[in-house]
Amino acid sequence: MKNHITIEGVRLYAYHGCLEEEGKIGAEYIVDVYMQTDFMEAAETDDLSLTIDYCAVFNICREEMAIRSKLIEHVAKRIYDKLIATFPQLLHTKVVVTKLLPPMHGPVDKTTVAIEG
């Protein structure tokens, strides 16, 4: 059975980007994680060990976002890889990383990358 767990709007301040200033001043980011798993046994038994621990997912996002990268694509891949390694019961995972107010040559609200599999 396929069930879905979603964690949206993980807001973190981080220092990613190709520009030197981005490594100094940082920016606000939003991480969304979409997971597919079978959590029916956990739902029946009320046992956290049989499902995905939301706090563990949050901590993975926070830890990986704290490691500076030039590309948010790289950050998204690291989060994705860590989730897969931590939760082998995942059937499908999608990680979305959004950078708010990226430095561009004009007004841009956000840039977003997604990785899934």
PDB file of N, CA and C in Angstrom:
ATOM      1  N   MET A   1       0.844  -1.177   0.000  1.00  0.00           N
ATOM      2  CA  MET A   1       0.000   0.000   0.000  1.00  0.00           C
ATOM      3  C   MET A   1       0.895   1.247   0.000  1.00  0.00           C
ATOM      4  N   LYS A   2       0.471   2.248  -0.731  1.00  0.00           N
ATOM      5  CA  LYS A   2       1.232   3.495  -0.809  1.00  0.00           C
ATOM      6  C   LYS A   2       0.505   4.583  -0.028  1.00  0.00           C
ATOM      7  N   ASN A   3       1.193   5.123   0.952  1.00  0.00           N
ATOM      8  CA  ASN A   3       0.675   6.227   1.745  1.00  0.00           C
ATOM      9  C   ASN A   3       1.632   7.398   1.586  1.00  0.00           C
ATOM     10  N   HIS A   4       1.147   8.586   1.871  1.00  0.00           N
ATOM     11  CA  HIS A   4       1.947   9.784   1.652  1.00  0.00           C
ATOM     12  C   HIS A   4       2.175  10.540   2.957  1.00  0.00           C
ATOM     13  N   ILE A   5       3.390  11.016   3.119  1.00  0.00           N
ATOM     14  CA  ILE A   5       3.747  11.904   4.216  1.00  0.00           C
ATOM     15  C   ILE A   5       4.393  13.136   3.588  1.00  0.00           C
ATOM     16  N   THR A   6       3.924  14.302   3.958  1.00  0.00           N
ATOM     17  CA  THR A   6       4.428  15.550   3.398  1.00  0.00           C
ATOM     18  C   THR A   6       4.875  16.469   4.527  1.00  0.00           C
ATOM     19  N   ILE A   7       6.045  17.049   4.351  1.00  0.00           N
ATOM     20  CA  ILE A   7       6.524  18.074   5.273  1.00  0.00           C
ATOM     21  C   ILE A   7       6.838  19.285   4.411  1.00  0.00           C
ATOM     22  N   GLU A   8       6.046  20.332   4.566  1.00  0.00           N
ATOM     23  CA  GLU A   8       6.190  21.521   3.727  1.00  0.00           C
ATOM     24  C   GLU A   8       6.541  22.748   4.570  1.00  0.00           C
ATOM     25  N   GLY A   9       7.288  23.619   3.941  1.00  0.00           N
ATOM     26  CA  GLY A   9       7.565  24.914   4.559  1.00  0.00           C
ATOM     27  C   GLY A   9       8.635  24.906   5.625  1.00  0.00           C
ATOM     28  N   VAL A  10       9.621  24.025   5.478  1.00  0.00           N
ATOM     29  CA  VAL A  10      10.752  24.045   6.407  1.00  0.00           C
ATOM     30  C   VAL A  10      11.573  25.287   6.063  1.00  0.00           C
ATOM     31  N   ARG A  11      11.492  26.306   6.891  1.00  0.00           N
ATOM     32  CA  ARG A  11      12.174  27.577   6.623  1.00  0.00           C
ATOM     33  C   ARG A  11      13.517  27.592   7.329  1.00  0.00           C
ATOM     34  N   LEU A  12      14.564  27.829   6.535  1.00  0.00           N
ATOM     35  CA  LEU A  12      15.922  27.834   7.064  1.00  0.00           C
ATOM     36  C   LEU A  12      16.710  28.977   6.446  1.00  0.00           C
ATOM     37  N   TYR A  13      17.607  29.524   7.206  1.00  0.00           N
ATOM     38  CA  TYR A  13      18.518  30.543   6.691  1.00  0.00           C
ATOM     39  C   TYR A  13      19.828  29.838   6.385  1.00  0.00           C
ATOM     40  N   ALA A  14      20.344  30.050   5.166  1.00  0.00           N
ATOM     41  CA  ALA A  14      21.565  29.345   4.762  1.00  0.00           C
ATOM     42  C   ALA A  14      22.396  30.230   3.837  1.00  0.00           C
ATOM     43  N   TYR A  15      23.554  29.721   3.460  1.00  0.00           N
ATOM     44  CA  TYR A  15      24.554  30.536   2.756  1.00  0.00           C
ATOM     45  C   TYR A  15      24.980  29.898   1.441  1.00  0.00           C
ATOM     46  N   HIS A  16      24.021  29.515   0.621  1.00  0.00           N
ATOM     47  CA  HIS A  16      24.315  28.881  -0.663  1.00  0.00           C
ATOM     48  C   HIS A  16      24.357  29.921  -1.774  1.00  0.00           C
ATOM     49  N   GLY A  17      25.119  29.610  -2.804  1.00  0.00           N
ATOM     50  CA  GLY A  17      25.156  30.469  -3.979  1.00  0.00           C
ATOM     51  C   GLY A  17      26.540  30.565  -4.569  1.00  0.00           C
ATOM     52  N   CYS A  18      26.576  30.924  -5.833  1.00  0.00           N
ATOM     53  CA  CYS A  18      27.843  31.048  -6.559  1.00  0.00           C
ATOM     54  C   CYS A  18      28.566  32.365  -6.256  1.00  0.00           C
ATOM     55  N   LEU A  19      27.813  33.362  -5.827  1.00  0.00           N
ATOM     56  CA  LEU A  19      28.421  34.660  -5.548  1.00  0.00           C
ATOM     57  C   LEU A  19      29.051  34.666  -4.157  1.00  0.00           C
ATOM     58  N   GLU A  20      30.195  35.315  -4.034  1.00  0.00           N
ATOM     59  CA  GLU A  20      30.903  35.395  -2.755  1.00  0.00           C
ATOM     60  C   GLU A  20      30.025  36.030  -1.670  1.00  0.00           C
ATOM     61  N   GLU A  21      29.244  37.059  -2.053  1.00  0.00           N
ATOM     62  CA  GLU A  21      28.380  37.740  -1.080  1.00  0.00           C
ATOM     63  C   GLU A  21      27.347  36.799  -0.483  1.00  0.00           C
ATOM     64  N   GLU A  22      26.883  35.836  -1.269  1.00  0.00           N
ATOM     65  CA  GLU A  22      25.869  34.899  -0.776  1.00  0.00           C
ATOM     66  C   GLU A  22      26.413  34.055   0.372  1.00  0.00           C
ATOM     67  N   GLY A  23      27.702  33.792   0.331  1.00  0.00           N
ATOM     68  CA  GLY A  23      28.331  33.037   1.402  1.00  0.00           C
ATOM     69  C   GLY A  23      28.487  33.854   2.672  1.00  0.00           C
ATOM     70  N   LYS A  24      28.380  35.167   2.548  1.00  0.00           N
ATOM     71  CA  LYS A  24      28.523  36.049   3.712  1.00  0.00           C
ATOM     72  C   LYS A  24      27.184  36.495   4.282  1.00  0.00           C
ATOM     73  N   ILE A  25      26.259  36.893   3.400  1.00  0.00           N
ATOM     74  CA  ILE A  25      24.992  37.444   3.883  1.00  0.00           C
ATOM     75  C   ILE A  25      23.884  36.402   3.980  1.00  0.00           C
ATOM     76  N   GLY A  26      23.953  35.340   3.185  1.00  0.00           N
ATOM     77  CA  GLY A  26      22.960  34.282   3.234  1.00  0.00           C
ATOM     78  C   GLY A  26      21.612  34.698   2.687  1.00  0.00           C
ATOM     79  N   ALA A  27      20.667  33.777   2.800  1.00  0.00           N
ATOM     80  CA  ALA A  27      19.312  34.008   2.298  1.00  0.00           C
ATOM     81  C   ALA A  27      18.364  33.032   2.985  1.00  0.00           C
ATOM     82  N   GLU A  28      17.084  33.299   2.819  1.00  0.00           N
ATOM     83  CA  GLU A  28      16.070  32.404   3.378  1.00  0.00           C
ATOM     84  C   GLU A  28      15.688  31.359   2.333  1.00  0.00           C
ATOM     85  N   TYR A  29      15.516  30.141   2.806  1.00  0.00           N
ATOM     86  CA  TYR A  29      15.169  29.012   1.951  1.00  0.00           C
ATOM     87  C   TYR A  29      13.962  28.298   2.525  1.00  0.00           C
ATOM     88  N   ILE A  30      13.250  27.621   1.650  1.00  0.00           N
ATOM     89  CA  ILE A  30      12.149  26.754   2.066  1.00  0.00           C
ATOM     90  C   ILE A  30      12.401  25.374   1.481  1.00  0.00           C
ATOM     91  N   VAL A  31      12.282  24.355   2.328  1.00  0.00           N
ATOM     92  CA  VAL A  31      12.437  22.974   1.877  1.00  0.00           C
ATOM     93  C   VAL A  31      11.098  22.270   2.074  1.00  0.00           C
ATOM     94  N   ASP A  32      10.662  21.562   1.031  1.00  0.00           N
ATOM     95  CA  ASP A  32       9.463  20.735   1.091  1.00  0.00           C
ATOM     96  C   ASP A  32       9.873  19.299   0.781  1.00  0.00           C
ATOM     97  N   VAL A  33       9.334  18.354   1.540  1.00  0.00           N
ATOM     98  CA  VAL A  33       9.671  16.948   1.348  1.00  0.00           C
ATOM     99  C   VAL A  33       8.379  16.157   1.205  1.00  0.00           C
ATOM    100  N   TYR A  34       8.297  15.390   0.122  1.00  0.00           N
ATOM    101  CA  TYR A  34       7.141  14.555  -0.170  1.00  0.00           C
ATOM    102  C   TYR A  34       7.613  13.103  -0.193  1.00  0.00           C
ATOM    103  N   MET A  35       6.979  12.263   0.629  1.00  0.00           N
ATOM    104  CA  MET A  35       7.433  10.885   0.758  1.00  0.00           C
ATOM    105  C   MET A  35       6.265   9.921   0.583  1.00  0.00           C
ATOM    106  N   GLN A  36       6.579   8.806  -0.041  1.00  0.00           N
ATOM    107  CA  GLN A  36       5.600   7.742  -0.207  1.00  0.00           C
ATOM    108  C   GLN A  36       6.153   6.497   0.474  1.00  0.00           C
ATOM    109  N   THR A  37       5.343   5.904   1.315  1.00  0.00           N
ATOM    110  CA  THR A  37       5.752   4.735   2.083  1.00  0.00           C
ATOM    111  C   THR A  37       4.501   3.954   2.460  1.00  0.00           C
ATOM    112  N   ASP A  38       4.669   2.825   3.073  1.00  0.00           N
ATOM    113  CA  ASP A  38       3.530   2.073   3.600  1.00  0.00           C
ATOM    114  C   ASP A  38       3.553   2.210   5.118  1.00  0.00           C
ATOM    115  N   PHE A  39       2.672   3.061   5.654  1.00  0.00           N
ATOM    116  CA  PHE A  39       2.655   3.269   7.098  1.00  0.00           C
ATOM    117  C   PHE A  39       1.426   2.653   7.774  1.00  0.00           C
ATOM    118  N   MET A  40       0.784   1.694   7.107  1.00  0.00           N
ATOM    119  CA  MET A  40      -0.438   1.120   7.665  1.00  0.00           C
ATOM    120  C   MET A  40      -0.208   0.398   8.991  1.00  0.00           C
ATOM    121  N   GLU A  41       0.907  -0.309   9.135  1.00  0.00           N
ATOM    122  CA  GLU A  41       1.171  -0.982  10.411  1.00  0.00           C
ATOM    123  C   GLU A  41       1.348   0.051  11.529  1.00  0.00           C
ATOM    124  N   ALA A  42       2.035   1.130  11.232  1.00  0.00           N
ATOM    125  CA  ALA A  42       2.190   2.204  12.212  1.00  0.00           C
ATOM    126  C   ALA A  42       0.836   2.827  12.552  1.00  0.00           C
ATOM    127  N   ALA A  43       0.000   2.993  11.545  1.00  0.00           N
ATOM    128  CA  ALA A  43      -1.326   3.568  11.767  1.00  0.00           C
ATOM    129  C   ALA A  43      -2.177   2.656  12.650  1.00  0.00           C
ATOM    130  N   GLU A  44      -2.013   1.354  12.485  1.00  0.00           N
ATOM    131  CA  GLU A  44      -2.788   0.399  13.280  1.00  0.00           C
ATOM    132  C   GLU A  44      -2.253   0.249  14.696  1.00  0.00           C
ATOM    133  N   THR A  45      -0.936   0.326  14.871  1.00  0.00           N
ATOM    134  CA  THR A  45      -0.331   0.060  16.180  1.00  0.00           C
ATOM    135  C   THR A  45       0.066   1.313  16.947  1.00  0.00           C
ATOM    136  N   ASP A  46       0.041   2.469  16.276  1.00  0.00           N
ATOM    137  CA  ASP A  46       0.449   3.736  16.898  1.00  0.00           C
ATOM    138  C   ASP A  46       1.917   3.694  17.318  1.00  0.00           C
ATOM    139  N   ASP A  47       2.753   3.085  16.451  1.00  0.00           N
ATOM    140  CA  ASP A  47       4.170   2.873  16.734  1.00  0.00           C
ATOM    141  C   ASP A  47       5.020   3.728  15.797  1.00  0.00           C
ATOM    142  N   LEU A  48       5.683   4.750  16.339  1.00  0.00           N
ATOM    143  CA  LEU A  48       6.501   5.663  15.540  1.00  0.00           C
ATOM    144  C   LEU A  48       7.613   4.947  14.787  1.00  0.00           C
ATOM    145  N   SER A  49       8.150   3.892  15.351  1.00  0.00           N
ATOM    146  CA  SER A  49       9.270   3.197  14.701  1.00  0.00           C
ATOM    147  C   SER A  49       8.866   2.524  13.392  1.00  0.00           C
ATOM    148  N   LEU A  50       7.575   2.453  13.106  1.00  0.00           N
ATOM    149  CA  LEU A  50       7.088   1.801  11.890  1.00  0.00           C
ATOM    150  C   LEU A  50       6.723   2.795  10.790  1.00  0.00           C
ATOM    151  N   THR A  51       7.103   4.039  10.977  1.00  0.00           N
ATOM    152  CA  THR A  51       6.811   5.056   9.969  1.00  0.00           C
ATOM    153  C   THR A  51       7.997   6.009   9.866  1.00  0.00           C
ATOM    154  N   ILE A  52       7.805   7.128   9.209  1.00  0.00           N
ATOM    155  CA  ILE A  52       8.843   8.141   9.034  1.00  0.00           C
ATOM    156  C   ILE A  52       8.728   9.163  10.166  1.00  0.00           C
ATOM    157  N   ASP A  53       9.807   9.394  10.878  1.00  0.00           N
ATOM    158  CA  ASP A  53       9.843  10.356  11.976  1.00  0.00           C
ATOM    159  C   ASP A  53      10.004  11.765  11.398  1.00  0.00           C
ATOM    160  N   TYR A  54       8.995  12.602  11.534  1.00  0.00           N
ATOM    161  CA  TYR A  54       9.018  13.962  10.977  1.00  0.00           C
ATOM    162  C   TYR A  54      10.186  14.773  11.505  1.00  0.00           C
ATOM    163  N   CYS A  55      10.473  14.606  12.795  1.00  0.00           N
ATOM    164  CA  CYS A  55      11.588  15.359  13.388  1.00  0.00           C
ATOM    165  C   CYS A  55      12.917  14.953  12.765  1.00  0.00           C
ATOM    166  N   ALA A  56      13.081  13.686  12.456  1.00  0.00           N
ATOM    167  CA  ALA A  56      14.306  13.218  11.799  1.00  0.00           C
ATOM    168  C   ALA A  56      14.424  13.820  10.401  1.00  0.00           C
ATOM    169  N   VAL A  57      13.308  13.925   9.689  1.00  0.00           N
ATOM    170  CA  VAL A  57      13.315  14.544   8.359  1.00  0.00           C
ATOM    171  C   VAL A  57      13.710  16.015   8.473  1.00  0.00           C
ATOM    172  N   PHE A  58      13.123  16.716   9.435  1.00  0.00           N
ATOM    173  CA  PHE A  58      13.476  18.120   9.661  1.00  0.00           C
ATOM    174  C   PHE A  58      14.968  18.266   9.952  1.00  0.00           C
ATOM    175  N   ASN A  59      15.492  17.405  10.820  1.00  0.00           N
ATOM    176  CA  ASN A  59      16.910  17.487  11.179  1.00  0.00           C
ATOM    177  C   ASN A  59      17.815  17.226   9.982  1.00  0.00           C
ATOM    178  N   ILE A  60      17.439  16.310   9.110  1.00  0.00           N
ATOM    179  CA  ILE A  60      18.216  16.062   7.888  1.00  0.00           C
ATOM    180  C   ILE A  60      18.238  17.329   7.030  1.00  0.00           C
ATOM    181  N   CYS A  61      17.086  17.944   6.860  1.00  0.00           N
ATOM    182  CA  CYS A  61      17.011  19.183   6.068  1.00  0.00           C
ATOM    183  C   CYS A  61      17.901  20.256   6.689  1.00  0.00           C
ATOM    184  N   ARG A  62      17.797  20.436   7.984  1.00  0.00           N
ATOM    185  CA  ARG A  62      18.585  21.465   8.681  1.00  0.00           C
ATOM    186  C   ARG A  62      20.087  21.195   8.571  1.00  0.00           C
ATOM    187  N   GLU A  63      20.487  19.958   8.794  1.00  0.00           N
ATOM    188  CA  GLU A  63      21.914  19.608   8.735  1.00  0.00           C
ATOM    189  C   GLU A  63      22.493  19.812   7.333  1.00  0.00           C
ATOM    190  N   GLU A  64      21.784  19.375   6.321  1.00  0.00           N
ATOM    191  CA  GLU A  64      22.299  19.502   4.951  1.00  0.00           C
ATOM    192  C   GLU A  64      22.265  20.948   4.470  1.00  0.00           C
ATOM    193  N   MET A  65      21.275  21.714   4.886  1.00  0.00           N
ATOM    194  CA  MET A  65      21.218  23.127   4.507  1.00  0.00           C
ATOM    195  C   MET A  65      22.329  23.919   5.171  1.00  0.00           C
ATOM    196  N   ALA A  66      22.865  23.440   6.269  1.00  0.00           N
ATOM    197  CA  ALA A  66      23.943  24.141   6.977  1.00  0.00           C
ATOM    198  C   ALA A  66      25.292  23.982   6.281  1.00  0.00           C
ATOM    199  N   ILE A  67      25.378  23.057   5.329  1.00  0.00           N
ATOM    200  CA  ILE A  67      26.625  22.842   4.586  1.00  0.00           C
ATOM    201  C   ILE A  67      26.575  23.698   3.321  1.00  0.00           C
ATOM    202  N   ARG A  68      27.458  24.671   3.232  1.00  0.00           N
ATOM    203  CA  ARG A  68      27.441  25.608   2.096  1.00  0.00           C
ATOM    204  C   ARG A  68      27.680  24.906   0.777  1.00  0.00           C
ATOM    205  N   SER A  69      26.890  25.272  -0.219  1.00  0.00           N
ATOM    206  CA  SER A  69      27.029  24.776  -1.583  1.00  0.00           C
ATOM    207  C   SER A  69      26.852  25.937  -2.549  1.00  0.00           C
ATOM    208  N   LYS A  70      27.436  25.820  -3.703  1.00  0.00           N
ATOM    209  CA  LYS A  70      27.223  26.832  -4.738  1.00  0.00           C
ATOM    210  C   LYS A  70      25.821  26.694  -5.332  1.00  0.00           C
ATOM    211  N   LEU A  71      25.359  25.448  -5.473  1.00  0.00           N
ATOM    212  CA  LEU A  71      24.098  25.188  -6.159  1.00  0.00           C
ATOM    213  C   LEU A  71      23.060  24.596  -5.212  1.00  0.00           C
ATOM    214  N   ILE A  72      21.817  25.087  -5.310  1.00  0.00           N
ATOM    215  CA  ILE A  72      20.756  24.472  -4.515  1.00  0.00           C
ATOM    216  C   ILE A  72      20.421  23.087  -5.064  1.00  0.00           C
ATOM    217  N   GLU A  73      20.785  22.828  -6.301  1.00  0.00           N
ATOM    218  CA  GLU A  73      20.635  21.483  -6.852  1.00  0.00           C
ATOM    219  C   GLU A  73      21.461  20.478  -6.039  1.00  0.00           C
ATOM    220  N   HIS A  74      22.658  20.907  -5.649  1.00  0.00           N
ATOM    221  CA  HIS A  74      23.550  20.063  -4.859  1.00  0.00           C
ATOM    222  C   HIS A  74      22.965  19.816  -3.465  1.00  0.00           C
ATOM    223  N   VAL A  75      22.415  20.846  -2.880  1.00  0.00           N
ATOM    224  CA  VAL A  75      21.797  20.723  -1.554  1.00  0.00           C
ATOM    225  C   VAL A  75      20.601  19.774  -1.624  1.00  0.00           C
ATOM    226  N   ALA A  76      19.748  19.941  -2.609  1.00  0.00           N
ATOM    227  CA  ALA A  76      18.571  19.079  -2.760  1.00  0.00           C
ATOM    228  C   ALA A  76      18.988  17.616  -2.910  1.00  0.00           C
ATOM    229  N   LYS A  77      20.038  17.364  -3.666  1.00  0.00           N
ATOM    230  CA  LYS A  77      20.520  15.987  -3.867  1.00  0.00           C
ATOM    231  C   LYS A  77      21.048  15.402  -2.565  1.00  0.00           C
ATOM    232  N   ARG A  78      21.752  16.203  -1.789  1.00  0.00           N
ATOM    233  CA  ARG A  78      22.259  15.714  -0.501  1.00  0.00           C
ATOM    234  C   ARG A  78      21.114  15.359   0.448  1.00  0.00           C
ATOM    235  N   ILE A  79      20.099  16.215   0.502  1.00  0.00           N
ATOM    236  CA  ILE A  79      18.943  15.928   1.354  1.00  0.00           C
ATOM    237  C   ILE A  79      18.261  14.650   0.877  1.00  0.00           C
ATOM    238  N   TYR A  80      18.043  14.552  -0.416  1.00  0.00           N
ATOM    239  CA  TYR A  80      17.407  13.365  -1.004  1.00  0.00           C
ATOM    240  C   TYR A  80      18.197  12.100  -0.657  1.00  0.00           C
ATOM    241  N   ASP A  81      19.501  12.128  -0.881  1.00  0.00           N
ATOM    242  CA  ASP A  81      20.346  10.956  -0.610  1.00  0.00           C
ATOM    243  C   ASP A  81      20.302  10.553   0.861  1.00  0.00           C
ATOM    244  N   LYS A  82      20.321  11.547   1.746  1.00  0.00           N
ATOM    245  CA  LYS A  82      20.297  11.258   3.183  1.00  0.00           C
ATOM    246  C   LYS A  82      18.958  10.656   3.602  1.00  0.00           C
ATOM    247  N   LEU A  83      17.865  11.150   3.021  1.00  0.00           N
ATOM    248  CA  LEU A  83      16.551  10.587   3.325  1.00  0.00           C
ATOM    249  C   LEU A  83      16.467   9.129   2.895  1.00  0.00           C
ATOM    250  N   ILE A  84      16.942   8.839   1.692  1.00  0.00           N
ATOM    251  CA  ILE A  84      16.914   7.463   1.171  1.00  0.00           C
ATOM    252  C   ILE A  84      17.762   6.549   2.055  1.00  0.00           C
ATOM    253  N   ALA A  85      18.921   7.025   2.479  1.00  0.00           N
ATOM    254  CA  ALA A  85      19.807   6.217   3.318  1.00  0.00           C
ATOM    255  C   ALA A  85      19.224   6.013   4.719  1.00  0.00           C
ATOM    256  N   THR A  86      18.527   7.006   5.234  1.00  0.00           N
ATOM    257  CA  THR A  86      17.985   6.943   6.594  1.00  0.00           C
ATOM    258  C   THR A  86      16.692   6.142   6.674  1.00  0.00           C
ATOM    259  N   PHE A  87      15.885   6.237   5.636  1.00  0.00           N
ATOM    260  CA  PHE A  87      14.572   5.583   5.631  1.00  0.00           C
ATOM    261  C   PHE A  87      14.449   4.632   4.437  1.00  0.00           C
ATOM    262  N   PRO A  88      14.966   3.423   4.561  1.00  0.00           N
ATOM    263  CA  PRO A  88      14.918   2.482   3.436  1.00  0.00           C
ATOM    264  C   PRO A  88      13.486   2.089   3.047  1.00  0.00           C
ATOM    265  N   GLN A  89      12.508   2.359   3.908  1.00  0.00           N
ATOM    266  CA  GLN A  89      11.124   2.017   3.603  1.00  0.00           C
ATOM    267  C   GLN A  89      10.466   3.002   2.630  1.00  0.00           C
ATOM    268  N   LEU A  90      11.182   4.050   2.245  1.00  0.00           N
ATOM    269  CA  LEU A  90      10.621   5.017   1.298  1.00  0.00           C
ATOM    270  C   LEU A  90      10.453   4.373  -0.073  1.00  0.00           C
ATOM    271  N   LEU A  91       9.278   4.545  -0.639  1.00  0.00           N
ATOM    272  CA  LEU A  91       8.987   4.025  -1.975  1.00  0.00           C
ATOM    273  C   LEU A  91       9.244   5.086  -3.044  1.00  0.00           C
ATOM    274  N   HIS A  92       9.029   6.325  -2.679  1.00  0.00           N
ATOM    275  CA  HIS A  92       9.227   7.452  -3.597  1.00  0.00           C
ATOM    276  C   HIS A  92       9.455   8.691  -2.734  1.00  0.00           C
ATOM    277  N   THR A  93      10.359   9.538  -3.174  1.00  0.00           N
ATOM    278  CA  THR A  93      10.676  10.745  -2.413  1.00  0.00           C
ATOM    279  C   THR A  93      10.873  11.910  -3.373  1.00  0.00           C
ATOM    280  N   LYS A  94      10.402  13.071  -2.976  1.00  0.00           N
ATOM    281  CA  LYS A  94      10.627  14.300  -3.731  1.00  0.00           C
ATOM    282  C   LYS A  94      11.078  15.372  -2.752  1.00  0.00           C
ATOM    283  N   VAL A  95      12.191  16.026  -3.070  1.00  0.00           N
ATOM    284  CA  VAL A  95      12.723  17.115  -2.259  1.00  0.00           C
ATOM    285  C   VAL A  95      12.706  18.383  -3.109  1.00  0.00           C
ATOM    286  N   VAL A  96      12.115  19.430  -2.574  1.00  0.00           N
ATOM    287  CA  VAL A  96      12.031  20.713  -3.272  1.00  0.00           C
ATOM    288  C   VAL A  96      12.754  21.754  -2.416  1.00  0.00           C
ATOM    289  N   VAL A  97      13.721  22.445  -3.009  1.00  0.00           N
ATOM    290  CA  VAL A  97      14.444  23.507  -2.307  1.00  0.00           C
ATOM    291  C   VAL A  97      14.172  24.816  -3.042  1.00  0.00           C
ATOM    292  N   THR A  98      13.697  25.807  -2.291  1.00  0.00           N
ATOM    293  CA  THR A  98      13.365  27.115  -2.848  1.00  0.00           C
ATOM    294  C   THR A  98      14.227  28.177  -2.184  1.00  0.00           C
ATOM    295  N   LYS A  99      14.846  28.998  -3.002  1.00  0.00           N
ATOM    296  CA  LYS A  99      15.627  30.132  -2.515  1.00  0.00           C
ATOM    297  C   LYS A  99      14.781  31.386  -2.717  1.00  0.00           C
ATOM    298  N   LEU A 100      14.494  32.085  -1.613  1.00  0.00           N
ATOM    299  CA  LEU A 100      13.692  33.294  -1.696  1.00  0.00           C
ATOM    300  C   LEU A 100      14.565  34.498  -2.034  1.00  0.00           C
ATOM    301  N   LEU A 101      14.048  35.359  -2.875  1.00  0.00           N
ATOM    302  CA  LEU A 101      14.709  36.599  -3.292  1.00  0.00           C
ATOM    303  C   LEU A 101      16.162  36.376  -3.735  1.00  0.00           C
ATOM    304  N   PRO A 102      16.379  35.531  -4.743  1.00  0.00           N
ATOM    305  CA  PRO A 102      17.744  35.281  -5.209  1.00  0.00           C
ATOM    306  C   PRO A 102      18.322  36.528  -5.870  1.00  0.00           C
ATOM    307  N   PRO A 103      19.636  36.711  -5.755  1.00  0.00           N
ATOM    308  CA  PRO A 103      20.253  37.881  -6.384  1.00  0.00           C
ATOM    309  C   PRO A 103      20.297  37.706  -7.907  1.00  0.00           C
ATOM    310  N   MET A 104      19.548  38.515  -8.600  1.00  0.00           N
ATOM    311  CA  MET A 104      19.475  38.462 -10.063  1.00  0.00           C
ATOM    312  C   MET A 104      19.639  39.880 -10.602  1.00  0.00           C
ATOM    313  N   HIS A 105      19.535  40.001 -11.892  1.00  0.00           N
ATOM    314  CA  HIS A 105      19.631  41.318 -12.530  1.00  0.00           C
ATOM    315  C   HIS A 105      18.246  41.939 -12.680  1.00  0.00           C
ATOM    316  N   GLY A 106      17.344  41.554 -11.800  1.00  0.00           N
ATOM    317  CA  GLY A 106      15.989  42.075 -11.808  1.00  0.00           C
ATOM    318  C   GLY A 106      15.195  41.406 -10.695  1.00  0.00           C
ATOM    319  N   PRO A 107      13.955  41.857 -10.505  1.00  0.00           N
ATOM    320  CA  PRO A 107      13.154  41.322  -9.406  1.00  0.00           C
ATOM    321  C   PRO A 107      12.717  39.870  -9.672  1.00  0.00           C
ATOM    322  N   VAL A 108      13.086  38.974  -8.767  1.00  0.00           N
ATOM    323  CA  VAL A 108      12.699  37.570  -8.834  1.00  0.00           C
ATOM    324  C   VAL A 108      12.301  37.148  -7.424  1.00  0.00           C
ATOM    325  N   ASP A 109      11.115  36.598  -7.285  1.00  0.00           N
ATOM    326  CA  ASP A 109      10.628  36.173  -5.964  1.00  0.00           C
ATOM    327  C   ASP A 109      11.363  34.948  -5.428  1.00  0.00           C
ATOM    328  N   LYS A 110      11.608  33.971  -6.312  1.00  0.00           N
ATOM    329  CA  LYS A 110      12.228  32.740  -5.834  1.00  0.00           C
ATOM    330  C   LYS A 110      12.722  31.898  -6.998  1.00  0.00           C
ATOM    331  N   THR A 111      13.653  31.009  -6.665  1.00  0.00           N
ATOM    332  CA  THR A 111      14.083  29.971  -7.592  1.00  0.00           C
ATOM    333  C   THR A 111      13.898  28.646  -6.860  1.00  0.00           C
ATOM    334  N   THR A 112      13.492  27.639  -7.623  1.00  0.00           N
ATOM    335  CA  THR A 112      13.160  26.358  -7.015  1.00  0.00           C
ATOM    336  C   THR A 112      13.750  25.212  -7.833  1.00  0.00           C
ATOM    337  N   VAL A 113      14.274  24.206  -7.120  1.00  0.00           N
ATOM    338  CA  VAL A 113      14.698  22.965  -7.770  1.00  0.00           C
ATOM    339  C   VAL A 113      13.999  21.809  -7.066  1.00  0.00           C
ATOM    340  N   ALA A 114      13.791  20.732  -7.804  1.00  0.00           N
ATOM    341  CA  ALA A 114      13.176  19.541  -7.237  1.00  0.00           C
ATOM    342  C   ALA A 114      13.927  18.314  -7.740  1.00  0.00           C
ATOM    343  N   ILE A 115      14.079  17.346  -6.857  1.00  0.00           N
ATOM    344  CA  ILE A 115      14.680  16.071  -7.221  1.00  0.00           C
ATOM    345  C   ILE A 115      13.774  14.976  -6.661  1.00  0.00           C
ATOM    346  N   GLU A 116      13.530  13.969  -7.468  1.00  0.00           N
ATOM    347  CA  GLU A 116      12.657  12.909  -6.990  1.00  0.00           C
ATOM    348  C   GLU A 116      12.993  11.578  -7.628  1.00  0.00           C
ATOM    349  N   GLY A 117      12.578  10.575  -6.935  1.00  0.00           N
ATOM    350  CA  GLY A 117      12.796   9.230  -7.455  1.00  0.00           C
ATOM    351  C   GLY A 117      12.170   8.208  -6.542  1.00  0.00           C
TER     352      GLY A 117
END
